[in-house]
Amino acid sequence: MDQYRCIDSPEALALLQNGAAVADIRDPESYAQGHMPGAINVNNENLPDFIAAADMDKPLLVCCYHGISSQSAAQYLAHQGFDEVYSVNGGFEGWRVEQPEQIER
């Protein structure tokens, strides 16, 4: 997959419940206050390690603040060889409102 797809939170939740990985690209403080279950906080420093350790065959959800920055990050990760990459519409703010029971701290 050289492209990513934008999905809403119910579709993201279904993928998450079926084993999708989550890359949260927000700042560490925002991530620490709450994130999608199993999310890994990814930034410029740990990006190469994240890619090297990732299962490229597993779906990957990319989450940011409001669903804008995650689109370019998802595009980049799709070009790195991930088979399925998704940008979560609304970002973590949308997730927090629509899936309040699905937040880890």
PDB file of N, CA and C in Angstrom:
ATOM      1  N   MET A   1       0.850  -1.183   0.000  1.00  0.00           N
ATOM      2  CA  MET A   1       0.000   0.000   0.000  1.00  0.00           C
ATOM      3  C   MET A   1       0.890   1.239   0.000  1.00  0.00           C
ATOM      4  N   ASP A   2       0.827   2.001  -1.073  1.00  0.00           N
ATOM      5  CA  ASP A   2       1.594   3.246  -1.126  1.00  0.00           C
ATOM      6  C   ASP A   2       0.777   4.426  -0.637  1.00  0.00           C
ATOM      7  N   GLN A   3      -0.459   4.179  -0.321  1.00  0.00           N
ATOM      8  CA  GLN A   3      -1.353   5.231   0.133  1.00  0.00           C
ATOM      9  C   GLN A   3      -1.905   4.862   1.507  1.00  0.00           C
ATOM     10  N   TYR A   4      -2.483   5.848   2.141  1.00  0.00           N
ATOM     11  CA  TYR A   4      -3.173   5.621   3.407  1.00  0.00           C
ATOM     12  C   TYR A   4      -4.642   5.920   3.179  1.00  0.00           C
ATOM     13  N   ARG A   5      -5.443   5.627   4.173  1.00  0.00           N
ATOM     14  CA  ARG A   5      -6.863   5.917   4.102  1.00  0.00           C
ATOM     15  C   ARG A   5      -7.285   6.604   5.387  1.00  0.00           C
ATOM     16  N   CYS A   6      -8.170   7.577   5.311  1.00  0.00           N
ATOM     17  CA  CYS A   6      -8.735   8.234   6.488  1.00  0.00           C
ATOM     18  C   CYS A   6      -9.955   7.432   6.937  1.00  0.00           C
ATOM     19  N   ILE A   7     -10.024   7.157   8.245  1.00  0.00           N
ATOM     20  CA  ILE A   7     -11.149   6.390   8.775  1.00  0.00           C
ATOM     21  C   ILE A   7     -11.691   7.078  10.022  1.00  0.00           C
ATOM     22  N   ASP A   8     -12.943   6.788  10.344  1.00  0.00           N
ATOM     23  CA  ASP A   8     -13.554   7.362  11.534  1.00  0.00           C
ATOM     24  C   ASP A   8     -13.271   6.474  12.752  1.00  0.00           C
ATOM     25  N   SER A   9     -13.646   6.957  13.915  1.00  0.00           N
ATOM     26  CA  SER A   9     -13.280   6.232  15.138  1.00  0.00           C
ATOM     27  C   SER A   9     -13.934   4.853  15.268  1.00  0.00           C
ATOM     28  N   PRO A  10     -15.190   4.623  14.845  1.00  0.00           N
ATOM     29  CA  PRO A  10     -15.713   3.252  14.933  1.00  0.00           C
ATOM     30  C   PRO A  10     -14.914   2.252  14.093  1.00  0.00           C
ATOM     31  N   GLU A  11     -14.496   2.669  12.899  1.00  0.00           N
ATOM     32  CA  GLU A  11     -13.693   1.771  12.063  1.00  0.00           C
ATOM     33  C   GLU A  11     -12.309   1.576  12.687  1.00  0.00           C
ATOM     34  N   ALA A  12     -11.748   2.651  13.258  1.00  0.00           N
ATOM     35  CA  ALA A  12     -10.456   2.541  13.938  1.00  0.00           C
ATOM     36  C   ALA A  12     -10.558   1.599  15.126  1.00  0.00           C
ATOM     37  N   LEU A  13     -11.650   1.689  15.885  1.00  0.00           N
ATOM     38  CA  LEU A  13     -11.840   0.804  17.038  1.00  0.00           C
ATOM     39  C   LEU A  13     -11.908  -0.646  16.597  1.00  0.00           C
ATOM     40  N   ALA A  14     -12.615  -0.922  15.513  1.00  0.00           N
ATOM     41  CA  ALA A  14     -12.705  -2.294  15.007  1.00  0.00           C
ATOM     42  C   ALA A  14     -11.325  -2.820  14.618  1.00  0.00           C
ATOM     43  N   LEU A  15     -10.539  -1.996  13.938  1.00  0.00           N
ATOM     44  CA  LEU A  15      -9.177  -2.414  13.573  1.00  0.00           C
ATOM     45  C   LEU A  15      -8.322  -2.624  14.823  1.00  0.00           C
ATOM     46  N   LEU A  16      -8.450  -1.734  15.781  1.00  0.00           N
ATOM     47  CA  LEU A  16      -7.696  -1.841  17.030  1.00  0.00           C
ATOM     48  C   LEU A  16      -8.039  -3.136  17.758  1.00  0.00           C
ATOM     49  N   GLN A  17      -9.307  -3.462  17.804  1.00  0.00           N
ATOM     50  CA  GLN A  17      -9.746  -4.686  18.483  1.00  0.00           C
ATOM     51  C   GLN A  17      -9.306  -5.938  17.738  1.00  0.00           C
ATOM     52  N   ASN A  18      -8.932  -5.786  16.469  1.00  0.00           N
ATOM     53  CA  ASN A  18      -8.426  -6.910  15.686  1.00  0.00           C
ATOM     54  C   ASN A  18      -6.905  -6.900  15.564  1.00  0.00           C
ATOM     55  N   GLY A  19      -6.228  -6.127  16.424  1.00  0.00           N
ATOM     56  CA  GLY A  19      -4.774  -6.199  16.495  1.00  0.00           C
ATOM     57  C   GLY A  19      -3.994  -5.115  15.797  1.00  0.00           C
ATOM     58  N   ALA A  20      -4.647  -4.058  15.333  1.00  0.00           N
ATOM     59  CA  ALA A  20      -3.906  -2.972  14.679  1.00  0.00           C
ATOM     60  C   ALA A  20      -2.957  -2.299  15.666  1.00  0.00           C
ATOM     61  N   ALA A  21      -1.844  -1.810  15.150  1.00  0.00           N
ATOM     62  CA  ALA A  21      -0.902  -1.017  15.935  1.00  0.00           C
ATOM     63  C   ALA A  21      -1.320   0.447  15.848  1.00  0.00           C
ATOM     64  N   VAL A  22      -0.879   1.248  16.830  1.00  0.00           N
ATOM     65  CA  VAL A  22      -1.218   2.668  16.838  1.00  0.00           C
ATOM     66  C   VAL A  22       0.045   3.493  17.043  1.00  0.00           C
ATOM     67  N   ALA A  23       0.266   4.435  16.131  1.00  0.00           N
ATOM     68  CA  ALA A  23       1.348   5.411  16.263  1.00  0.00           C
ATOM     69  C   ALA A  23       0.710   6.746  16.626  1.00  0.00           C
ATOM     70  N   ASP A  24       0.998   7.246  17.819  1.00  0.00           N
ATOM     71  CA  ASP A  24       0.481   8.533  18.287  1.00  0.00           C
ATOM     72  C   ASP A  24       1.594   9.552  18.110  1.00  0.00           C
ATOM     73  N   ILE A  25       1.378  10.548  17.250  1.00  0.00           N
ATOM     74  CA  ILE A  25       2.448  11.493  16.928  1.00  0.00           C
ATOM     75  C   ILE A  25       2.340  12.807  17.693  1.00  0.00           C
ATOM     76  N   ARG A  26       1.496  12.843  18.715  1.00  0.00           N
ATOM     77  CA  ARG A  26       1.385  14.051  19.532  1.00  0.00           C
ATOM     78  C   ARG A  26       2.607  14.181  20.443  1.00  0.00           C
ATOM     79  N   ASP A  27       2.715  15.324  21.109  1.00  0.00           N
ATOM     80  CA  ASP A  27       3.841  15.539  22.023  1.00  0.00           C
ATOM     81  C   ASP A  27       3.722  14.594  23.220  1.00  0.00           C
ATOM     82  N   PRO A  28       4.860  14.288  23.871  1.00  0.00           N
ATOM     83  CA  PRO A  28       4.858  13.326  24.982  1.00  0.00           C
ATOM     84  C   PRO A  28       3.915  13.699  26.132  1.00  0.00           C
ATOM     85  N   GLU A  29       3.763  14.976  26.413  1.00  0.00           N
ATOM     86  CA  GLU A  29       2.884  15.386  27.505  1.00  0.00           C
ATOM     87  C   GLU A  29       1.422  15.074  27.186  1.00  0.00           C
ATOM     88  N   SER A  30       0.996  15.372  25.968  1.00  0.00           N
ATOM     89  CA  SER A  30      -0.375  15.063  25.558  1.00  0.00           C
ATOM     90  C   SER A  30      -0.605  13.561  25.554  1.00  0.00           C
ATOM     91  N   TYR A  31       0.365  12.812  25.045  1.00  0.00           N
ATOM     92  CA  TYR A  31       0.287  11.355  25.028  1.00  0.00           C
ATOM     93  C   TYR A  31       0.129  10.818  26.449  1.00  0.00           C
ATOM     94  N   ALA A  32       0.912  11.348  27.392  1.00  0.00           N
ATOM     95  CA  ALA A  32       0.871  10.877  28.780  1.00  0.00           C
ATOM     96  C   ALA A  32      -0.484  11.145  29.435  1.00  0.00           C
ATOM     97  N   GLN A  33      -1.167  12.193  28.996  1.00  0.00           N
ATOM     98  CA  GLN A  33      -2.477  12.520  29.573  1.00  0.00           C
ATOM     99  C   GLN A  33      -3.574  11.575  29.088  1.00  0.00           C
ATOM    100  N   GLY A  34      -3.343  10.901  27.981  1.00  0.00           N
ATOM    101  CA  GLY A  34      -4.297   9.939  27.459  1.00  0.00           C
ATOM    102  C   GLY A  34      -4.009   9.623  26.007  1.00  0.00           C
ATOM    103  N   HIS A  35      -4.213   8.352  25.640  1.00  0.00           N
ATOM    104  CA  HIS A  35      -3.970   7.919  24.266  1.00  0.00           C
ATOM    105  C   HIS A  35      -4.816   6.689  23.955  1.00  0.00           C
ATOM    106  N   MET A  36      -4.862   6.333  22.695  1.00  0.00           N
ATOM    107  CA  MET A  36      -5.578   5.134  22.271  1.00  0.00           C
ATOM    108  C   MET A  36      -4.895   3.910  22.883  1.00  0.00           C
ATOM    109  N   PRO A  37      -5.655   2.851  23.205  1.00  0.00           N
ATOM    110  CA  PRO A  37      -5.060   1.659  23.807  1.00  0.00           C
ATOM    111  C   PRO A  37      -3.909   1.097  22.970  1.00  0.00           C
ATOM    112  N   GLY A  38      -2.795   0.845  23.638  1.00  0.00           N
ATOM    113  CA  GLY A  38      -1.634   0.249  22.985  1.00  0.00           C
ATOM    114  C   GLY A  38      -0.819   1.184  22.120  1.00  0.00           C
ATOM    115  N   ALA A  39      -1.188   2.464  22.088  1.00  0.00           N
ATOM    116  CA  ALA A  39      -0.478   3.419  21.227  1.00  0.00           C
ATOM    117  C   ALA A  39       0.969   3.597  21.650  1.00  0.00           C
ATOM    118  N   ILE A  40       1.817   3.790  20.659  1.00  0.00           N
ATOM    119  CA  ILE A  40       3.225   4.108  20.885  1.00  0.00           C
ATOM    120  C   ILE A  40       3.415   5.558  20.479  1.00  0.00           C
ATOM    121  N   ASN A  41       4.029   6.330  21.372  1.00  0.00           N
ATOM    122  CA  ASN A  41       4.292   7.737  21.075  1.00  0.00           C
ATOM    123  C   ASN A  41       5.492   7.795  20.136  1.00  0.00           C
ATOM    124  N   VAL A  42       5.261   8.248  18.914  1.00  0.00           N
ATOM    125  CA  VAL A  42       6.291   8.280  17.879  1.00  0.00           C
ATOM    126  C   VAL A  42       6.666   9.726  17.588  1.00  0.00           C
ATOM    127  N   ASN A  43       7.969   9.985  17.568  1.00  0.00           N
ATOM    128  CA  ASN A  43       8.476  11.322  17.241  1.00  0.00           C
ATOM    129  C   ASN A  43       9.690  11.180  16.334  1.00  0.00           C
ATOM    130  N   ASN A  44      10.301  12.280  15.976  1.00  0.00           N
ATOM    131  CA  ASN A  44      11.441  12.245  15.058  1.00  0.00           C
ATOM    132  C   ASN A  44      12.606  11.430  15.600  1.00  0.00           C
ATOM    133  N   GLU A  45      12.782  11.427  16.927  1.00  0.00           N
ATOM    134  CA  GLU A  45      13.911  10.687  17.495  1.00  0.00           C
ATOM    135  C   GLU A  45      13.723   9.176  17.453  1.00  0.00           C
ATOM    136  N   ASN A  46      12.500   8.695  17.738  1.00  0.00           N
ATOM    137  CA  ASN A  46      12.311   7.242  17.796  1.00  0.00           C
ATOM    138  C   ASN A  46      11.672   6.653  16.529  1.00  0.00           C
ATOM    139  N   LEU A  47      11.408   7.488  15.534  1.00  0.00           N
ATOM    140  CA  LEU A  47      10.788   7.011  14.299  1.00  0.00           C
ATOM    141  C   LEU A  47      11.568   5.878  13.628  1.00  0.00           C
ATOM    142  N   PRO A  48      12.896   5.986  13.451  1.00  0.00           N
ATOM    143  CA  PRO A  48      13.619   4.872  12.818  1.00  0.00           C
ATOM    144  C   PRO A  48      13.493   3.565  13.607  1.00  0.00           C
ATOM    145  N   ASP A  49      13.554   3.641  14.942  1.00  0.00           N
ATOM    146  CA  ASP A  49      13.411   2.434  15.764  1.00  0.00           C
ATOM    147  C   ASP A  49      11.997   1.871  15.666  1.00  0.00           C
ATOM    148  N   PHE A  50      10.990   2.766  15.634  1.00  0.00           N
ATOM    149  CA  PHE A  50       9.604   2.331  15.496  1.00  0.00           C
ATOM    150  C   PHE A  50       9.425   1.557  14.189  1.00  0.00           C
ATOM    151  N   ILE A  51       9.939   2.092  13.105  1.00  0.00           N
ATOM    152  CA  ILE A  51       9.809   1.438  11.801  1.00  0.00           C
ATOM    153  C   ILE A  51      10.558   0.104  11.788  1.00  0.00           C
ATOM    154  N   ALA A  52      11.766   0.096  12.338  1.00  0.00           N
ATOM    155  CA  ALA A  52      12.575  -1.131  12.343  1.00  0.00           C
ATOM    156  C   ALA A  52      11.908  -2.248  13.144  1.00  0.00           C
ATOM    157  N   ALA A  53      11.204  -1.903  14.219  1.00  0.00           N
ATOM    158  CA  ALA A  53      10.601  -2.913  15.088  1.00  0.00           C
ATOM    159  C   ALA A  53       9.177  -3.281  14.678  1.00  0.00           C
ATOM    160  N   ALA A  54       8.590  -2.535  13.771  1.00  0.00           N
ATOM    161  CA  ALA A  54       7.175  -2.710  13.428  1.00  0.00           C
ATOM    162  C   ALA A  54       6.922  -3.958  12.597  1.00  0.00           C
ATOM    163  N   ASP A  55       5.731  -4.498  12.767  1.00  0.00           N
ATOM    164  CA  ASP A  55       5.225  -5.568  11.913  1.00  0.00           C
ATOM    165  C   ASP A  55       4.534  -4.885  10.737  1.00  0.00           C
ATOM    166  N   MET A  56       5.192  -4.870   9.598  1.00  0.00           N
ATOM    167  CA  MET A  56       4.688  -4.149   8.427  1.00  0.00           C
ATOM    168  C   MET A  56       3.399  -4.752   7.866  1.00  0.00           C
ATOM    169  N   ASP A  57       3.092  -5.990   8.257  1.00  0.00           N
ATOM    170  CA  ASP A  57       1.880  -6.652   7.769  1.00  0.00           C
ATOM    171  C   ASP A  57       0.654  -6.311   8.612  1.00  0.00           C
ATOM    172  N   LYS A  58       0.869  -5.742   9.790  1.00  0.00           N
ATOM    173  CA  LYS A  58      -0.228  -5.404  10.702  1.00  0.00           C
ATOM    174  C   LYS A  58      -0.775  -4.023  10.342  1.00  0.00           C
ATOM    175  N   PRO A  59      -2.094  -3.851  10.357  1.00  0.00           N
ATOM    176  CA  PRO A  59      -2.637  -2.513  10.107  1.00  0.00           C
ATOM    177  C   PRO A  59      -2.076  -1.503  11.105  1.00  0.00           C
ATOM    178  N   LEU A  60      -1.857  -0.285  10.639  1.00  0.00           N
ATOM    179  CA  LEU A  60      -1.292   0.775  11.477  1.00  0.00           C
ATOM    180  C   LEU A  60      -2.222   1.978  11.470  1.00  0.00           C
ATOM    181  N   LEU A  61      -2.660   2.378  12.660  1.00  0.00           N
ATOM    182  CA  LEU A  61      -3.459   3.583  12.836  1.00  0.00           C
ATOM    183  C   LEU A  61      -2.521   4.706  13.239  1.00  0.00           C
ATOM    184  N   VAL A  62      -2.673   5.865  12.625  1.00  0.00           N
ATOM    185  CA  VAL A  62      -1.864   7.029  12.976  1.00  0.00           C
ATOM    186  C   VAL A  62      -2.796   8.077  13.560  1.00  0.00           C
ATOM    187  N   CYS A  63      -2.438   8.558  14.750  1.00  0.00           N
ATOM    188  CA  CYS A  63      -3.279   9.495  15.480  1.00  0.00           C
ATOM    189  C   CYS A  63      -2.481  10.737  15.855  1.00  0.00           C
ATOM    190  N   CYS A  64      -3.095  11.907  15.670  1.00  0.00           N
ATOM    191  CA  CYS A  64      -2.487  13.169  16.085  1.00  0.00           C
ATOM    192  C   CYS A  64      -3.514  13.906  16.953  1.00  0.00           C
ATOM    193  N   TYR A  65      -3.475  15.215  16.975  1.00  0.00           N
ATOM    194  CA  TYR A  65      -4.416  16.000  17.776  1.00  0.00           C
ATOM    195  C   TYR A  65      -5.822  16.033  17.178  1.00  0.00           C
ATOM    196  N   HIS A  66      -5.934  16.440  15.907  1.00  0.00           N
ATOM    197  CA  HIS A  66      -7.237  16.643  15.286  1.00  0.00           C
ATOM    198  C   HIS A  66      -7.402  15.932  13.947  1.00  0.00           C
ATOM    199  N   GLY A  67      -6.447  15.104  13.550  1.00  0.00           N
ATOM    200  CA  GLY A  67      -6.566  14.351  12.305  1.00  0.00           C
ATOM    201  C   GLY A  67      -5.962  15.006  11.088  1.00  0.00           C
ATOM    202  N   ILE A  68      -5.187  16.066  11.277  1.00  0.00           N
ATOM    203  CA  ILE A  68      -4.565  16.761  10.146  1.00  0.00           C
ATOM    204  C   ILE A  68      -3.123  16.270   9.956  1.00  0.00           C
ATOM    205  N   SER A  69      -2.295  16.419  10.988  1.00  0.00           N
ATOM    206  CA  SER A  69      -0.878  16.011  10.901  1.00  0.00           C
ATOM    207  C   SER A  69      -0.730  14.515  10.651  1.00  0.00           C
ATOM    208  N   SER A  70      -1.679  13.742  11.136  1.00  0.00           N
ATOM    209  CA  SER A  70      -1.587  12.292  10.961  1.00  0.00           C
ATOM    210  C   SER A  70      -1.667  11.891   9.497  1.00  0.00           C
ATOM    211  N   GLN A  71      -2.261  12.730   8.660  1.00  0.00           N
ATOM    212  CA  GLN A  71      -2.372  12.378   7.244  1.00  0.00           C
ATOM    213  C   GLN A  71      -1.005  12.352   6.565  1.00  0.00           C
ATOM    214  N   SER A  72      -0.171  13.356   6.821  1.00  0.00           N
ATOM    215  CA  SER A  72       1.161  13.349   6.201  1.00  0.00           C
ATOM    216  C   SER A  72       2.030  12.265   6.835  1.00  0.00           C
ATOM    217  N   ALA A  73       1.862  12.028   8.130  1.00  0.00           N
ATOM    218  CA  ALA A  73       2.616  10.958   8.788  1.00  0.00           C
ATOM    219  C   ALA A  73       2.193   9.597   8.234  1.00  0.00           C
ATOM    220  N   ALA A  74       0.902   9.416   8.028  1.00  0.00           N
ATOM    221  CA  ALA A  74       0.400   8.160   7.471  1.00  0.00           C
ATOM    222  C   ALA A  74       0.933   7.942   6.057  1.00  0.00           C
ATOM    223  N   GLN A  75       0.961   8.994   5.267  1.00  0.00           N
ATOM    224  CA  GLN A  75       1.502   8.896   3.912  1.00  0.00           C
ATOM    225  C   GLN A  75       2.969   8.476   3.957  1.00  0.00           C
ATOM    226  N   TYR A  76       3.740   9.107   4.835  1.00  0.00           N
ATOM    227  CA  TYR A  76       5.161   8.764   4.985  1.00  0.00           C
ATOM    228  C   TYR A  76       5.313   7.295   5.383  1.00  0.00           C
ATOM    229  N   LEU A  77       4.546   6.849   6.371  1.00  0.00           N
ATOM    230  CA  LEU A  77       4.663   5.464   6.841  1.00  0.00           C
ATOM    231  C   LEU A  77       4.211   4.469   5.779  1.00  0.00           C
ATOM    232  N   ALA A  78       3.217   4.829   4.984  1.00  0.00           N
ATOM    233  CA  ALA A  78       2.804   3.955   3.886  1.00  0.00           C
ATOM    234  C   ALA A  78       3.958   3.761   2.909  1.00  0.00           C
ATOM    235  N   HIS A  79       4.709   4.822   2.647  1.00  0.00           N
ATOM    236  CA  HIS A  79       5.858   4.729   1.739  1.00  0.00           C
ATOM    237  C   HIS A  79       7.036   3.971   2.364  1.00  0.00           C
ATOM    238  N   GLN A  80       7.011   3.775   3.666  1.00  0.00           N
ATOM    239  CA  GLN A  80       8.080   3.025   4.322  1.00  0.00           C
ATOM    240  C   GLN A  80       7.846   1.521   4.261  1.00  0.00           C
ATOM    241  N   GLY A  81       6.685   1.110   3.747  1.00  0.00           N
ATOM    242  CA  GLY A  81       6.450  -0.312   3.533  1.00  0.00           C
ATOM    243  C   GLY A  81       5.336  -0.949   4.342  1.00  0.00           C
ATOM    244  N   PHE A  82       4.618  -0.170   5.152  1.00  0.00           N
ATOM    245  CA  PHE A  82       3.485  -0.743   5.867  1.00  0.00           C
ATOM    246  C   PHE A  82       2.406  -1.116   4.859  1.00  0.00           C
ATOM    247  N   ASP A  83       1.787  -2.284   5.055  1.00  0.00           N
ATOM    248  CA  ASP A  83       0.765  -2.759   4.126  1.00  0.00           C
ATOM    249  C   ASP A  83      -0.528  -1.962   4.209  1.00  0.00           C
ATOM    250  N   GLU A  84      -0.971  -1.648   5.433  1.00  0.00           N
ATOM    251  CA  GLU A  84      -2.228  -0.922   5.641  1.00  0.00           C
ATOM    252  C   GLU A  84      -1.975   0.213   6.621  1.00  0.00           C
ATOM    253  N   VAL A  85      -2.196   1.444   6.201  1.00  0.00           N
ATOM    254  CA  VAL A  85      -1.999   2.609   7.065  1.00  0.00           C
ATOM    255  C   VAL A  85      -3.268   3.456   7.032  1.00  0.00           C
ATOM    256  N   TYR A  86      -3.686   3.882   8.216  1.00  0.00           N
ATOM    257  CA  TYR A  86      -4.914   4.658   8.361  1.00  0.00           C
ATOM    258  C   TYR A  86      -4.668   5.888   9.214  1.00  0.00           C
ATOM    259  N   SER A  87      -5.203   7.008   8.790  1.00  0.00           N
ATOM    260  CA  SER A  87      -5.210   8.233   9.582  1.00  0.00           C
ATOM    261  C   SER A  87      -6.576   8.317  10.257  1.00  0.00           C
ATOM    262  N   VAL A  88      -6.573   8.550  11.569  1.00  0.00           N
ATOM    263  CA  VAL A  88      -7.830   8.580  12.323  1.00  0.00           C
ATOM    264  C   VAL A  88      -8.452   9.978  12.222  1.00  0.00           C
ATOM    265  N   ASN A  89      -9.617  10.071  11.580  1.00  0.00           N
ATOM    266  CA  ASN A  89     -10.330  11.341  11.457  1.00  0.00           C
ATOM    267  C   ASN A  89     -10.623  11.920  12.839  1.00  0.00           C
ATOM    268  N   GLY A  90     -10.407  13.205  12.988  1.00  0.00           N
ATOM    269  CA  GLY A  90     -10.672  13.860  14.262  1.00  0.00           C
ATOM    270  C   GLY A  90      -9.550  13.722  15.266  1.00  0.00           C
ATOM    271  N   GLY A  91      -8.563  12.890  14.947  1.00  0.00           N
ATOM    272  CA  GLY A  91      -7.421  12.698  15.839  1.00  0.00           C
ATOM    273  C   GLY A  91      -7.838  12.217  17.212  1.00  0.00           C
ATOM    274  N   PHE A  92      -6.957  12.450  18.192  1.00  0.00           N
ATOM    275  CA  PHE A  92      -7.259  11.988  19.540  1.00  0.00           C
ATOM    276  C   PHE A  92      -8.438  12.751  20.139  1.00  0.00           C
ATOM    277  N   GLU A  93      -8.609  14.012  19.774  1.00  0.00           N
ATOM    278  CA  GLU A  93      -9.744  14.775  20.306  1.00  0.00           C
ATOM    279  C   GLU A  93     -11.064  14.140  19.878  1.00  0.00           C
ATOM    280  N   GLY A  94     -11.162  13.727  18.630  1.00  0.00           N
ATOM    281  CA  GLY A  94     -12.359  13.034  18.174  1.00  0.00           C
ATOM    282  C   GLY A  94     -12.518  11.688  18.857  1.00  0.00           C
ATOM    283  N   TRP A  95     -11.412  10.970  18.996  1.00  0.00           N
ATOM    284  CA  TRP A  95     -11.428   9.669  19.671  1.00  0.00           C
ATOM    285  C   TRP A  95     -11.902   9.829  21.111  1.00  0.00           C
ATOM    286  N   ARG A  96     -11.389  10.840  21.806  1.00  0.00           N
ATOM    287  CA  ARG A  96     -11.724  11.086  23.212  1.00  0.00           C
ATOM    288  C   ARG A  96     -13.226  11.309  23.375  1.00  0.00           C
ATOM    289  N   VAL A  97     -13.832  12.025  22.427  1.00  0.00           N
ATOM    290  CA  VAL A  97     -15.262  12.310  22.491  1.00  0.00           C
ATOM    291  C   VAL A  97     -16.085  11.078  22.112  1.00  0.00           C
ATOM    292  N   GLU A  98     -15.667  10.363  21.062  1.00  0.00           N
ATOM    293  CA  GLU A  98     -16.463   9.251  20.532  1.00  0.00           C
ATOM    294  C   GLU A  98     -16.181   7.916  21.204  1.00  0.00           C
ATOM    295  N   GLN A  99     -14.988   7.764  21.777  1.00  0.00           N
ATOM    296  CA  GLN A  99     -14.600   6.486  22.402  1.00  0.00           C
ATOM    297  C   GLN A  99     -14.029   6.723  23.801  1.00  0.00           C
ATOM    298  N   PRO A 100     -14.760   7.404  24.692  1.00  0.00           N
ATOM    299  CA  PRO A 100     -14.183   7.770  25.994  1.00  0.00           C
ATOM    300  C   PRO A 100     -13.768   6.585  26.853  1.00  0.00           C
ATOM    301  N   GLU A 101     -14.373   5.419  26.617  1.00  0.00           N
ATOM    302  CA  GLU A 101     -14.003   4.230  27.391  1.00  0.00           C
ATOM    303  C   GLU A 101     -12.744   3.561  26.841  1.00  0.00           C
ATOM    304  N   GLN A 102     -12.237   4.057  25.723  1.00  0.00           N
ATOM    305  CA  GLN A 102     -11.063   3.464  25.059  1.00  0.00           C
ATOM    306  C   GLN A 102      -9.858   4.393  25.155  1.00  0.00           C
ATOM    307  N   ILE A 103      -9.545   4.821  26.360  1.00  0.00           N
ATOM    308  CA  ILE A 103      -8.399   5.716  26.570  1.00  0.00           C
ATOM    309  C   ILE A 103      -7.501   5.128  27.637  1.00  0.00           C
ATOM    310  N   GLU A 104      -6.222   5.060  27.339  1.00  0.00           N
ATOM    311  CA  GLU A 104      -5.222   4.625  28.307  1.00  0.00           C
ATOM    312  C   GLU A 104      -4.446   5.838  28.802  1.00  0.00           C
ATOM    313  N   ARG A 105      -3.970   5.741  30.028  1.00  0.00           N
ATOM    314  CA  ARG A 105      -3.132   6.809  30.601  1.00  0.00           C
ATOM    315  C   ARG A 105      -1.861   6.192  31.130  1.00  0.00           C
TER     316      ARG A 105
END
